[in-house]
Each structure stands twice: as C-alpha cells, then as structure tokens.
Amino acid sequence: MATSISLRLSQHLALTPQLQQSIRLLQLSTLELNQEIEQALLENPLLERDDDPLEGHARLAADGSILDPGRGAEAPAGADTGAESESEPGRAAGEESAPAYDEQAPSATLDWGSARESREDDDEPTALSWAAAETSLHDHLRQQLTSTRASERDRVLVGLLIDEVHEDGYLRTSLEDVQAMFDPSAQVELDELSAGLRLLQSFDPVGVGARSPCECLDLQIQARLRAIARCTDEAGREELLLARRIVADHLQLFSNRDFVKLKKILGAGDEQLRAVDRLIHSLNPRPGLGFASAAPEYVVADVLVRRTKGRWVAQLNPEVMPRLHVNQAYATICKKDRTRVSDGSWSARLQEARWLIRNLRQRFQTIQRVSQAIVDRQNHFFSHGAIAMRPLVLREIADAVGLHESTVSRVTANKYMATPFGVFELRYFFGSHVATDAGGAASSTAIRELIKQMIDGENPDDPLSDSAIADLLGKQGIVVARRTVAKYRELLHIPPVARRKRL
C-alpha cells in the first residue's frame, strides 16, 4: 500500500487543566476547599486572601441551632446566579485585584493557652487554663489510686489495669494477657491481678473496670445494695436483688422485653417488674463516657434558606466564601516587565491565580443555582417539614439548571443547607418514590416521617407492629410492604415492636 498524506477534521473532548481544577473544586466540601486554598496560597505568592476561614463564620449544629452566630445571611453583593459559562477572558489586572466576594464579619475568638490568657514572661498555665482543662478517665482513676493505702507493688498492678481501661470504662483485656505483659522475673500472680481489679472496680465512676455489660450493671446494683443496707429498706433491697438476678441470668429476655417469660421464671408480679424495669434503665451501661474529651463536630452550612416576599430563596452563606485576589504589585510587574522574566514562571503563576479565582466564583454560582432549583421543587418541605417532601431525582435538577447529572451529583456531595427545620445535606432532598392508590407517588422521606409520627403517637401498652403500620399507610393510599416499613423503621433507629412494648 502506498504511503499518502490526508487532512481530517474531528471533534473530541479535552480536559484542560482549568476544567480539571473546576471539577475538583466543585466536589470539595467546605473544609477540603479551605485546605486546597491554603495550599495554593503557600505555592503561589501572587495569590492573596483577605478573610480568615476560622474567624467569624456562623457555626451551626446538626439540629440547626446557631452555635457561634456571625453576621446576617444576606446574599453576597453582585453575585451572579445566571449561566455557568466560563468567565470572560481578558479581565484587567485591576479588576481581579478587587475582593472576589462579600466581606466577612469579624469576631473575637478566645484561644486556650494564648497570650490573652497567659503572661508573656511566664510559661506556667493560668487559673483559667486549669479550669478549662478536662480530666480524662485515666487521670481520674489514677488520682483515686494515689489516695489509697495500697502497696507500691499493688499500685503498679492497678496502674497497668487502668492503662488498659477503654474510654467507655470497660476492661477488655483479660487478666491473663495483662499477666503476660510483665517480665517473668516479677512473678505476678493472677490472684494479685484479681485483687487489683477489685480495687479498680471500687473507684468512681461506679461500674468502671467491668469486663462485660452484665458485670458493669451488677457492680452498680451492688453499690446500691450497700447504700440501702444502712437505711434498712427491705422493699428496695428485694427489687435490687431481683434486678441483680435478671442482669446475671436473664438480661437477653429483659432486653427483648419478654416480660411474660420473666414473670414465669422469676415469679414476680407486674408492679414489681415495673419497679425493676425503671431501676435497670436508671443504670449507666457506659460509665466512662462522662469523661470522654472528644471535640464536638460542627456543620457549616453552605446555603441558607430564607423566606423573602412570600417565597423561599436559597442564599450562599457569605461566611464560607473565601475572598481572594491577585497581588496588584506583582501583576503589574509581570505585565510591564515581561522581558525580565525569561522562563515565564511568574506569568504561569499569575494565570493560575486567575484560574483559581474564576473557578471559585463559578463553583459558588453553580451551588447557588442547584440549591435554588432544589428549594423551588421542595418548597412545601420548608413550610411543613419532612412530611411534605416530594420525590426528586438528580436528573430533574440537572434538566432544570442545564447541567449534567454528574455535575449535580458533585454539587450535592458534602454540601449543607440551613433550613427552618435544621441543617441537611443537599442529597437529603433527593429520594425514591412509592406509588399511591391515586396513581401518584410519595417520597420515601415523607413516608419515614409518617412512620415516625405513628410510632410517636402509639399506645405504649400496645405498640404498632410493622404490619399494622403498613395497613395504616394503605388506608392513606400509600402502598408499602411490611418489609419496607421495617427497613424505614431501622433507618430511623426505632426498635421493633417487642422492644417498644411497655409493661
């Protein structure tokens, strides 16, 4: 075959670096976005930030309550909610140097251990810092150990047992394993470790050092028995002995609320079982959690929903929108003295800074457009709650805003919306549908809310079974199988009918 040269025209999709950055920024959460921006600020000296991402933002808990309110939730001035097309090229350097977004609200923060709390010439912690410090469970147990008359050897043994106690207060390491931790020359016996464990289990909080839930509850019942022994309360003593017997031998029956079998086995009456039921539920199955020092996790809403002139409007939270600009002095040098920049690295950095600012602007515009489309289709939710949720899929929002379904999926991932009923992830407003007798469809979220309301209003003496709930939904025109009701009930963390029944 002869070799020849031909000319051919074709079209193909090319992911430019700017487009790749735009897609990556779109799917990042607020925290990840701030980390991405901080990395860009470190690598690009032409890029500057006017706001502090950790100062002045409105922190909202998962239930929607404002924990650290900042300014109001006005929409950023000049925000364009129109098409998602790329920013116009050829913007002057002076225009890019202006703040990209609205100004933030400054708020004073109090940092533990900062210069505001300690003297510059003294490194010792102040009284305020001591008061703010939390005592861990291990420190609390060691403080009690120092106040005992135990020998030095016993203190070493009990100290090692304290180190093996988990945050919930349980000792999940066997005494044999603890014995193996010592050198054979120490000649540590199991009897010594058992005695040390008894000493540990006498400490506060009551139940600490238990090796199982049964032992934990039994330790607390024994403590109450010793307390009432001084006041000679025979009725209370009988209830505690009965509770101890249930915890030791019939805890599974009790957890399943099988009171009929318990009455036959124990020979107890209804009134006595009611008292024992209240007593066992007053015990603490995880005594160490009161000393847990895990920091609470806060959710920062990306979108705020407000009612304006009779309609619900989605507004971007100005406190999570970074304010970036290009350093004007460097931009002018790069523009006028290009001959001095031989390798073009500064021009590339200037272009990268411009891309980042434009992609961030486009990211928030896309989030606002998608959020407003969701609000328009779920407007009854914002007025009446989850029971008024309608079925919604990604394709419907994609068609409404003129985006691809995958783009809407990226927008709704790890983005949160503050509503009158709390803070929800954007994906919460999407759900499957269930057919109705009238030929329509009901949202699975609305059905779950209906199930929750039915269970909240049921008779504790005769709770509703999954089949009964399915029949009640059928009377309202919603065709749901019993197994579907059970699945929705488990998603709501509601126990089955046997465990909801009251004696």
Protein backbone atom coordinates (compact mmCIF):
# COMPACT_ATOMS: atom_id res chain seq x y z
CA MET A 1 0.00 0.00 0.00
CA ALA A 2 1.35 3.43 -0.95
CA THR A 3 2.04 5.99 1.73
CA SER A 4 -0.10 9.12 1.50
CA ILE A 5 -0.89 12.28 3.45
CA SER A 6 -4.51 13.21 4.23
CA LEU A 7 -6.24 16.01 6.18
CA ARG A 8 -9.07 15.09 8.56
CA LEU A 9 -11.30 17.23 10.83
CA SER A 10 -12.65 15.75 14.09
CA GLN A 11 -14.07 16.86 17.43
CA HIS A 12 -13.12 15.44 20.82
CA LEU A 13 -13.43 16.46 24.44
CA ALA A 14 -10.22 17.63 26.09
CA LEU A 15 -9.99 18.19 29.85
CA THR A 16 -7.85 21.29 30.14
CA PRO A 17 -6.07 21.99 33.45
CA GLN A 18 -8.57 24.79 34.12
CA LEU A 19 -11.54 22.45 33.59
CA GLN A 20 -9.97 19.76 35.75
CA GLN A 21 -9.49 22.28 38.55
CA SER A 22 -13.09 23.46 38.20
CA ILE A 23 -14.41 19.88 38.53
CA ARG A 24 -12.18 19.17 41.51
CA LEU A 25 -13.20 22.34 43.37
CA LEU A 26 -16.88 21.64 42.72
CA GLN A 27 -16.90 18.33 44.57
CA LEU A 28 -14.88 19.52 47.60
CA SER A 29 -16.52 20.18 50.94
CA THR A 30 -16.04 23.49 52.76
CA LEU A 31 -13.20 22.10 54.88
CA GLU A 32 -11.46 20.50 51.91
CA LEU A 33 -11.88 23.69 49.91
CA ASN A 34 -10.13 25.73 52.59
CA GLN A 35 -7.29 23.22 52.66
CA GLU A 36 -6.98 23.47 48.87
CA ILE A 37 -6.89 27.27 49.05
CA GLU A 38 -4.29 27.28 51.82
CA GLN A 39 -2.10 25.01 49.71
CA ALA A 40 -2.48 27.34 46.73
CA LEU A 41 -1.56 30.35 48.89
CA LEU A 42 1.62 28.60 50.01
CA GLU A 43 2.66 27.69 46.47
CA ASN A 44 1.66 30.90 44.66
CA PRO A 45 2.95 34.23 46.06
CA LEU A 46 0.76 36.17 43.59
CA LEU A 47 -2.39 34.92 45.31
CA GLU A 48 -3.60 36.60 48.50
CA ARG A 49 -6.54 36.06 50.85
CA ASP A 50 -8.41 38.81 52.67
CA ASP A 51 -10.51 36.71 55.04
CA ASP A 52 -9.75 34.22 57.82
CA PRO A 53 -11.53 30.87 57.27
CA LEU A 54 -11.60 30.17 61.03
CA GLU A 55 -12.93 33.55 62.12
CA GLY A 56 -16.40 35.00 62.01
CA HIS A 57 -18.25 32.15 60.31
CA ALA A 58 -21.65 31.00 61.50
CA ARG A 59 -21.27 27.55 63.04
CA LEU A 60 -24.44 25.51 63.02
CA ALA A 61 -25.07 22.29 64.89
CA ALA A 62 -26.72 19.32 63.23
CA ASP A 63 -30.11 20.36 64.66
CA GLY A 64 -29.88 23.78 63.02
CA SER A 65 -29.11 25.82 66.16
CA ILE A 66 -26.54 28.57 65.65
CA LEU A 67 -23.60 27.95 67.96
CA ASP A 68 -21.48 30.97 67.06
CA PRO A 69 -23.61 33.37 65.01
CA GLY A 70 -21.89 35.91 62.84
CA ARG A 71 -23.49 38.49 60.58
CA GLY A 72 -26.80 38.14 58.87
CA ALA A 73 -27.23 35.87 55.89
CA GLU A 74 -27.56 38.48 53.14
CA ALA A 75 -26.62 37.34 49.67
CA PRO A 76 -23.18 38.49 48.50
CA ALA A 77 -23.32 41.72 46.63
CA GLY A 78 -23.03 41.33 42.90
CA ALA A 79 -23.36 37.55 42.93
CA ASP A 80 -24.40 36.33 39.50
CA THR A 81 -26.79 33.39 39.53
CA GLY A 82 -27.01 33.12 35.78
CA ALA A 83 -25.42 30.66 33.38
CA GLU A 84 -22.44 28.52 34.29
CA SER A 85 -20.36 29.64 31.31
CA GLU A 86 -16.69 30.40 31.79
CA SER A 87 -15.68 33.85 32.98
CA GLU A 88 -14.99 36.31 30.24
CA PRO A 89 -11.31 36.44 29.21
CA GLY A 90 -9.15 39.50 29.13
CA ARG A 91 -10.05 40.99 32.53
CA ALA A 92 -7.68 43.72 33.59
CA ALA A 93 -5.36 43.15 36.50
CA GLY A 94 -7.03 45.97 38.39
CA GLU A 95 -10.40 44.25 38.20
CA GLU A 96 -9.01 40.97 39.56
CA SER A 97 -7.37 42.67 42.49
CA ALA A 98 -10.77 43.54 43.95
CA PRO A 99 -12.20 41.18 46.59
CA ALA A 100 -13.94 38.30 44.87
CA TYR A 101 -16.77 38.01 47.42
CA ASP A 102 -18.57 39.82 50.18
CA GLU A 103 -16.81 41.00 53.29
CA GLN A 104 -16.72 38.77 56.36
CA ALA A 105 -17.90 39.65 59.81
CA PRO A 106 -15.00 39.94 62.26
CA SER A 107 -15.49 38.25 65.57
CA ALA A 108 -13.19 37.95 68.52
CA THR A 109 -12.00 34.46 69.36
CA LEU A 110 -10.59 33.20 72.64
CA ASP A 111 -7.83 30.65 72.11
CA TRP A 112 -6.97 28.46 75.08
CA GLY A 113 -3.39 28.99 76.13
CA SER A 114 -2.95 32.11 74.00
CA ALA A 115 -1.26 35.31 75.02
CA ARG A 116 -4.61 36.68 76.21
CA GLU A 117 -4.68 34.07 78.95
CA SER A 118 -1.03 33.88 79.95
CA ARG A 119 1.69 36.34 80.74
CA GLU A 120 4.43 36.76 78.16
CA ASP A 121 7.16 36.25 80.73
CA ASP A 122 5.62 33.17 82.36
CA ASP A 123 5.04 29.78 80.72
CA GLU A 124 3.03 28.38 83.63
CA PRO A 125 -0.67 27.75 82.93
CA THR A 126 -3.07 30.23 84.47
CA ALA A 127 -6.08 29.51 86.65
CA LEU A 128 -8.38 29.96 83.66
CA SER A 129 -6.47 27.38 81.64
CA TRP A 130 -6.58 24.92 84.54
CA ALA A 131 -10.34 25.42 84.80
CA ALA A 132 -10.76 24.87 81.07
CA ALA A 133 -8.74 21.65 81.10
CA GLU A 134 -10.76 18.43 81.24
CA THR A 135 -9.82 15.45 83.39
CA SER A 136 -9.63 12.21 81.46
CA LEU A 137 -10.95 8.92 82.81
CA HIS A 138 -7.43 7.54 83.28
CA ASP A 139 -6.29 10.63 85.22
CA HIS A 140 -9.42 10.44 87.38
CA LEU A 141 -8.71 6.81 88.24
CA ARG A 142 -5.02 7.46 88.96
CA GLN A 143 -5.96 10.29 91.34
CA GLN A 144 -8.10 7.85 93.32
CA LEU A 145 -5.31 5.28 93.28
CA THR A 146 -2.88 7.71 94.93
CA SER A 147 -5.32 8.25 97.80
CA THR A 148 -5.48 4.53 98.70
CA ARG A 149 -3.25 2.65 101.12
CA ALA A 150 -2.20 0.11 98.52
CA SER A 151 1.42 -1.01 98.47
CA GLU A 152 3.82 0.11 95.78
CA ARG A 153 3.56 -3.25 94.01
CA ASP A 154 -0.25 -3.15 94.02
CA ARG A 155 -0.21 0.40 92.68
CA VAL A 156 1.92 -0.71 89.75
CA LEU A 157 -0.50 -3.57 89.02
CA VAL A 158 -3.61 -1.38 89.28
CA GLY A 159 -1.90 1.33 87.24
CA LEU A 160 -1.37 -1.13 84.41
CA LEU A 161 -5.03 -2.18 84.62
CA ILE A 162 -6.03 1.50 84.42
CA ASP A 163 -3.99 1.87 81.25
CA GLU A 164 -5.99 -0.99 79.70
CA VAL A 165 -9.39 0.58 80.52
CA HIS A 166 -11.15 1.91 77.42
CA GLU A 167 -12.86 5.28 77.17
CA ASP A 168 -16.27 3.74 77.90
CA GLY A 169 -14.95 2.35 81.21
CA TYR A 170 -14.64 -1.32 80.22
CA LEU A 171 -11.59 -3.54 80.69
CA ARG A 172 -11.49 -5.63 77.54
CA THR A 173 -8.04 -7.10 78.14
CA SER A 174 -8.09 -10.41 80.02
CA LEU A 175 -6.11 -10.78 83.23
CA GLU A 176 -4.03 -13.49 81.55
CA ASP A 177 -2.97 -11.02 78.85
CA VAL A 178 -2.15 -8.42 81.49
CA GLN A 179 -0.06 -11.00 83.33
CA ALA A 180 1.84 -11.71 80.13
CA MET A 181 2.88 -8.06 79.90
CA PHE A 182 5.12 -8.43 82.97
CA ASP A 183 8.56 -9.91 82.97
CA PRO A 184 8.52 -13.50 84.31
CA SER A 185 11.00 -12.46 86.98
CA ALA A 186 8.33 -10.19 88.50
CA GLN A 187 6.30 -13.31 89.44
CA VAL A 188 2.93 -11.63 89.04
CA GLU A 189 0.10 -13.99 90.01
CA LEU A 190 -3.48 -13.93 88.75
CA ASP A 191 -4.70 -13.62 92.34
CA GLU A 192 -2.80 -10.34 92.65
CA LEU A 193 -4.34 -9.02 89.44
CA SER A 194 -7.81 -10.12 90.60
CA ALA A 195 -7.32 -8.22 93.84
CA GLY A 196 -6.12 -5.19 91.89
CA LEU A 197 -9.16 -5.42 89.63
CA ARG A 198 -11.47 -5.42 92.65
CA LEU A 199 -9.73 -2.30 93.92
CA LEU A 200 -10.14 -0.67 90.48
CA GLN A 201 -13.82 -1.60 90.38
CA SER A 202 -14.35 0.18 93.70
CA PHE A 203 -13.35 3.51 92.16
CA ASP A 204 -15.62 6.20 90.76
CA PRO A 205 -17.48 6.08 88.38
CA VAL A 206 -19.34 3.04 89.63
CA GLY A 207 -19.03 0.18 87.15
CA VAL A 208 -15.60 1.10 85.83
CA GLY A 209 -13.28 -1.81 85.14
CA ALA A 210 -16.12 -4.16 84.22
CA ARG A 211 -15.39 -6.80 81.61
CA SER A 212 -18.94 -7.13 80.27
CA PRO A 213 -22.22 -5.20 80.38
CA CYS A 214 -23.62 -7.70 82.86
CA GLU A 215 -20.70 -7.14 85.24
CA CYS A 216 -20.97 -3.37 84.81
CA LEU A 217 -24.65 -3.32 85.77
CA ASP A 218 -24.04 -5.80 88.58
CA LEU A 219 -21.35 -3.55 90.09
CA GLN A 220 -23.78 -0.63 90.13
CA ILE A 221 -26.52 -2.75 91.72
CA GLN A 222 -24.09 -3.93 94.41
CA ALA A 223 -23.20 -0.31 95.17
CA ARG A 224 -26.88 0.49 95.67
CA LEU A 225 -27.33 -2.57 97.86
CA ARG A 226 -24.52 -1.34 100.12
CA ALA A 227 -26.12 2.10 100.22
CA ILE A 228 -29.60 0.91 101.26
CA ALA A 229 -28.16 -1.55 103.79
CA ARG A 230 -27.62 1.42 106.07
CA CYS A 231 -31.26 2.54 105.87
CA THR A 232 -32.81 -0.97 106.12
CA ASP A 233 -35.12 -0.54 103.12
CA GLU A 234 -36.40 -4.09 102.63
CA ALA A 235 -38.63 -3.26 99.66
CA GLY A 236 -35.80 -1.61 97.82
CA ARG A 237 -33.50 -4.48 98.71
CA GLU A 238 -35.88 -7.04 97.14
CA GLU A 239 -36.07 -5.01 93.93
CA LEU A 240 -32.29 -4.74 93.75
CA LEU A 241 -31.83 -8.47 94.33
CA LEU A 242 -34.39 -9.21 91.62
CA ALA A 243 -32.64 -6.77 89.27
CA ARG A 244 -29.31 -8.44 90.00
CA ARG A 245 -30.79 -11.83 89.18
CA ILE A 246 -32.17 -10.52 85.88
CA VAL A 247 -28.84 -8.91 84.95
CA ALA A 248 -26.91 -12.06 85.76
CA ASP A 249 -29.13 -14.70 84.15
CA HIS A 250 -31.92 -13.15 82.05
CA LEU A 251 -30.55 -9.96 80.52
CA GLN A 252 -31.37 -11.14 76.99
CA LEU A 253 -35.03 -11.71 77.88
CA PHE A 254 -35.12 -8.30 79.54
CA SER A 255 -33.60 -6.54 76.51
CA ASN A 256 -36.19 -8.25 74.28
CA ARG A 257 -38.95 -7.01 76.62
CA ASP A 258 -40.26 -10.55 77.07
CA PHE A 259 -41.95 -9.85 80.40
CA VAL A 260 -44.28 -12.84 80.14
CA LYS A 261 -41.39 -15.30 80.38
CA LEU A 262 -39.69 -13.21 83.05
CA LYS A 263 -42.78 -13.31 85.25
CA LYS A 264 -42.98 -17.10 84.90
CA ILE A 265 -39.28 -17.63 85.62
CA LEU A 266 -38.95 -15.15 88.49
CA GLY A 267 -42.42 -15.50 89.95
CA ALA A 268 -42.71 -11.70 90.17
CA GLY A 269 -45.79 -9.53 89.73
CA ASP A 270 -46.37 -6.71 87.26
CA GLU A 271 -45.79 -3.96 89.80
CA GLN A 272 -42.51 -5.45 90.96
CA LEU A 273 -41.31 -5.89 87.38
CA ARG A 274 -42.19 -2.27 86.61
CA ALA A 275 -40.03 -1.12 89.51
CA VAL A 276 -37.14 -3.37 88.39
CA ASP A 277 -37.53 -2.10 84.81
CA ARG A 278 -37.19 1.50 85.98
CA LEU A 279 -34.24 0.56 88.19
CA ILE A 280 -32.25 -1.18 85.45
CA HIS A 281 -32.88 1.64 82.99
CA SER A 282 -31.51 4.11 85.54
CA LEU A 283 -28.12 2.34 85.47
CA ASN A 284 -25.29 3.52 83.24
CA PRO A 285 -24.03 0.83 80.81
CA ARG A 286 -21.04 3.01 79.78
CA PRO A 287 -19.73 4.68 82.94
CA GLY A 288 -16.61 6.12 81.33
CA LEU A 289 -18.27 8.20 78.62
CA GLY A 290 -18.78 11.07 81.04
CA PHE A 291 -15.03 11.70 80.86
CA ALA A 292 -14.77 11.48 77.08
CA SER A 293 -12.97 14.53 75.68
CA ALA A 294 -13.94 14.16 72.03
CA ALA A 295 -14.42 17.58 70.47
CA PRO A 296 -17.89 18.17 69.04
CA GLU A 297 -18.17 18.21 65.28
CA TYR A 298 -19.89 21.22 63.77
CA VAL A 299 -21.53 21.52 60.40
CA VAL A 300 -21.06 24.75 58.47
CA ALA A 301 -23.94 25.39 56.09
CA ASP A 302 -23.00 26.34 52.54
CA VAL A 303 -26.51 27.58 51.72
CA LEU A 304 -29.02 29.50 53.86
CA VAL A 305 -32.73 29.28 53.05
CA ARG A 306 -34.81 32.36 53.90
CA ARG A 307 -38.37 33.39 53.12
CA THR A 308 -38.36 36.57 51.05
CA LYS A 309 -41.51 38.23 49.71
CA GLY A 310 -43.61 35.12 50.07
CA ARG A 311 -41.15 32.63 48.51
CA TRP A 312 -38.26 30.56 49.75
CA VAL A 313 -34.89 31.73 48.47
CA ALA A 314 -31.54 29.93 48.66
CA GLN A 315 -28.67 32.25 49.54
CA LEU A 316 -24.98 31.42 49.72
CA ASN A 317 -23.50 31.63 53.20
CA PRO A 318 -21.05 34.56 52.90
CA GLU A 319 -19.00 33.24 55.82
CA VAL A 320 -17.78 30.19 53.88
CA MET A 321 -16.93 32.06 50.68
CA PRO A 322 -13.20 32.86 50.50
CA ARG A 323 -12.13 36.34 49.41
CA LEU A 324 -9.12 36.01 47.12
CA HIS A 325 -7.36 38.48 44.88
CA VAL A 326 -4.21 38.75 42.81
CA ASN A 327 -1.41 40.85 44.26
CA GLN A 328 -1.61 44.05 42.22
CA ALA A 329 2.06 44.93 42.51
CA TYR A 330 3.26 41.55 41.23
CA ALA A 331 0.62 41.54 38.48
CA THR A 332 1.81 44.94 37.23
CA ILE A 333 5.43 43.80 37.18
CA CYS A 334 4.55 40.65 35.24
CA LYS A 335 2.55 42.68 32.75
CA LYS A 336 5.02 45.52 32.11
CA ASP A 337 8.40 43.84 32.56
CA ARG A 338 7.90 40.57 30.74
CA THR A 339 11.39 40.83 29.26
CA ARG A 340 12.90 40.39 32.73
CA VAL A 341 11.03 37.11 33.24
CA SER A 342 12.87 34.78 30.93
CA ASP A 343 11.41 31.43 31.95
CA GLY A 344 7.77 32.56 32.15
CA SER A 345 7.22 31.03 35.60
CA TRP A 346 5.72 34.23 37.01
CA SER A 347 3.32 34.55 34.11
CA ALA A 348 2.21 30.96 34.70
CA ARG A 349 1.63 31.66 38.38
CA LEU A 350 -0.38 34.75 37.52
CA GLN A 351 -2.54 32.70 35.17
CA GLU A 352 -3.01 30.00 37.83
CA ALA A 353 -4.16 32.61 40.34
CA ARG A 354 -6.69 33.99 37.86
CA TRP A 355 -7.96 30.50 37.10
CA LEU A 356 -8.45 29.72 40.78
CA ILE A 357 -10.42 32.93 41.41
CA ARG A 358 -12.65 32.34 38.38
CA ASN A 359 -13.23 28.67 39.21
CA LEU A 360 -14.14 29.53 42.79
CA ARG A 361 -16.64 32.11 41.54
CA GLN A 362 -18.10 29.55 39.16
CA ARG A 363 -18.24 26.93 41.93
CA PHE A 364 -20.38 29.07 44.21
CA GLN A 365 -22.61 30.19 41.36
CA THR A 366 -23.28 26.55 40.47
CA ILE A 367 -24.03 25.66 44.10
CA GLN A 368 -26.46 28.56 44.34
CA ARG A 369 -28.27 27.59 41.12
CA VAL A 370 -28.64 23.94 42.12
CA SER A 371 -29.74 24.88 45.65
CA GLN A 372 -32.39 27.27 44.34
CA ALA A 373 -33.70 24.58 41.98
CA ILE A 374 -33.99 22.20 44.95
CA VAL A 375 -35.77 24.82 47.04
CA ASP A 376 -38.24 25.55 44.22
CA ARG A 377 -39.20 21.88 43.95
CA GLN A 378 -39.25 21.17 47.67
CA ASN A 379 -40.90 24.42 48.78
CA HIS A 380 -43.56 22.55 50.78
CA PHE A 381 -40.81 20.98 52.89
CA PHE A 382 -39.63 24.40 54.09
CA SER A 383 -43.17 25.25 55.17
CA HIS A 384 -44.42 21.95 56.61
CA GLY A 385 -41.37 19.75 57.24
CA ALA A 386 -40.28 16.31 56.06
CA ILE A 387 -43.83 15.03 55.79
CA ALA A 388 -44.32 17.31 52.76
CA MET A 389 -41.21 16.09 50.92
CA ARG A 390 -41.84 15.16 47.30
CA PRO A 391 -39.92 12.60 45.20
CA LEU A 392 -36.90 14.12 43.50
CA VAL A 393 -34.04 12.71 41.41
CA LEU A 394 -30.80 14.20 40.15
CA ARG A 395 -32.00 14.14 36.54
CA GLU A 396 -34.85 16.56 37.32
CA ILE A 397 -32.49 19.16 38.82
CA ALA A 398 -29.95 18.63 36.02
CA ASP A 399 -32.58 19.36 33.38
CA ALA A 400 -33.81 22.42 35.27
CA VAL A 401 -30.40 24.12 35.57
CA GLY A 402 -28.95 22.86 32.29
CA LEU A 403 -26.14 20.82 33.81
CA HIS A 404 -25.08 17.21 33.52
CA GLU A 405 -26.35 14.77 36.12
CA SER A 406 -22.80 14.03 37.27
CA THR A 407 -22.25 17.74 37.90
CA VAL A 408 -25.35 17.91 40.10
CA SER A 409 -24.08 14.85 41.95
CA ARG A 410 -20.78 16.63 42.68
CA VAL A 411 -22.60 19.76 43.84
CA THR A 412 -24.83 17.89 46.29
CA ALA A 413 -21.98 15.88 47.85
CA ASN A 414 -20.77 17.19 51.23
CA LYS A 415 -22.69 20.49 50.86
CA TYR A 416 -25.16 21.52 53.56
CA MET A 417 -28.26 23.69 53.63
CA ALA A 418 -29.59 25.50 56.70
CA THR A 419 -33.41 25.31 56.80
CA PRO A 420 -36.07 26.21 59.38
CA PHE A 421 -36.08 22.52 60.39
CA GLY A 422 -32.33 22.07 60.76
CA VAL A 423 -29.20 21.63 58.66
CA PHE A 424 -29.35 18.94 55.98
CA GLU A 425 -27.03 17.71 53.28
CA LEU A 426 -28.24 18.63 49.81
CA ARG A 427 -28.62 14.95 49.00
CA TYR A 428 -31.23 14.69 51.75
CA PHE A 429 -33.75 16.35 49.45
CA PHE A 430 -33.45 13.57 46.88
CA GLY A 431 -35.31 10.33 47.39
CA SER A 432 -37.06 7.46 45.73
CA HIS A 433 -40.83 7.35 45.31
CA VAL A 434 -43.54 4.94 46.39
CA ALA A 435 -46.72 4.50 44.37
CA THR A 436 -50.09 5.60 45.76
CA ASP A 437 -53.62 4.38 45.06
CA ALA A 438 -54.41 7.61 43.27
CA GLY A 439 -51.71 6.91 40.70
CA GLY A 440 -49.25 9.44 42.12
CA ALA A 441 -46.04 8.99 44.06
CA ALA A 442 -44.95 9.69 47.63
CA SER A 443 -41.40 10.41 48.74
CA SER A 444 -39.64 7.84 50.89
CA THR A 445 -38.59 10.67 53.22
CA ALA A 446 -42.23 11.66 53.74
CA ILE A 447 -43.18 8.03 54.41
CA ARG A 448 -40.44 7.72 57.03
CA GLU A 449 -41.77 10.85 58.71
CA LEU A 450 -45.28 9.38 58.69
CA ILE A 451 -43.99 6.18 60.29
CA LYS A 452 -42.18 8.20 62.95
CA GLN A 453 -45.34 10.16 63.76
CA MET A 454 -47.38 6.97 64.01
CA ILE A 455 -44.90 5.39 66.41
CA ASP A 456 -44.64 8.57 68.49
CA GLY A 457 -48.42 8.58 68.90
CA GLU A 458 -48.89 4.86 69.56
CA ASN A 459 -50.12 3.31 72.81
CA PRO A 460 -47.04 2.13 74.77
CA ASP A 461 -49.09 -0.74 76.18
CA ASP A 462 -49.98 -1.94 72.66
CA PRO A 463 -47.40 -0.62 70.16
CA LEU A 464 -47.89 -0.86 66.41
CA SER A 465 -46.30 -3.73 64.54
CA ASP A 466 -44.75 -3.29 61.10
CA SER A 467 -47.79 -4.97 59.52
CA ALA A 468 -50.15 -2.64 61.37
CA ILE A 469 -48.18 0.40 60.19
CA ALA A 470 -48.30 -0.89 56.61
CA ASP A 471 -52.08 -1.27 56.90
CA LEU A 472 -52.44 2.29 58.25
CA LEU A 473 -50.35 3.64 55.38
CA GLY A 474 -52.52 1.66 52.96
CA LYS A 475 -55.63 3.37 54.33
CA GLN A 476 -53.97 6.68 53.46
CA GLY A 477 -53.41 5.49 49.89
CA ILE A 478 -49.71 4.62 50.24
CA VAL A 479 -48.91 1.09 49.14
CA VAL A 480 -45.98 -0.13 51.27
CA ALA A 481 -44.96 -3.69 52.10
CA ARG A 482 -44.22 -4.79 55.66
CA ARG A 483 -40.51 -5.34 54.91
CA THR A 484 -40.34 -1.79 53.53
CA VAL A 485 -41.80 -0.45 56.77
CA ALA A 486 -39.21 -2.47 58.71
CA LYS A 487 -36.40 -1.02 56.57
CA TYR A 488 -37.60 2.56 57.08
CA ARG A 489 -38.04 1.95 60.82
CA GLU A 490 -34.46 0.71 61.10
CA LEU A 491 -33.22 3.77 59.20
CA LEU A 492 -34.98 5.88 61.85
CA HIS A 493 -33.23 3.87 64.62
CA ILE A 494 -36.58 2.84 66.08
CA PRO A 495 -36.60 -0.56 67.88
CA PRO A 496 -39.07 -3.30 66.89
CA VAL A 497 -42.48 -3.66 68.47
CA ALA A 498 -41.29 -6.15 71.11
CA ARG A 499 -38.72 -3.69 72.47
CA ARG A 500 -41.14 -0.76 72.43
CA LYS A 501 -43.77 -2.53 74.48
CA ARG A 502 -44.24 -1.17 77.97
CA LEU A 503 -45.03 -3.50 80.85
